């Protein structure tokens, strides 16, 4: 009795699966450790010969997430807002306040340079 169910196996070394087994036109090369779906009988055979081991199906490969393009205007606005929050949290007249005020002015000037002329 033949086992029609297919199984995922991973060969222990690089191997070639005959085309007649997979019912394709050319032999299929299987790299060591790479999962390959085989007919149940052939899978049982290579497992019994200890040249392969049953394994889980490979995880699907998702397309890499595309990084959204940075908007310089939005980034500059966020920098201004962060500088404003820092400035608001410092005591007026302190050295830290003076440095934060300078950072705020620089960020505001950078934002103004990015904004289109009205």
Foldseek 3Di string as FASTA:
>chain_A
DFQQDKFKKFFQAWDWAQCVQVVHDGIDIGHGPDIDIGGPVVVVVCVVVVRIDTDDDDDDDDDDDDDDDDDVLVVLVVQLVVLVVQLVPDDPPDPSNVVSVVSNVVSVVSNVVPDDDD
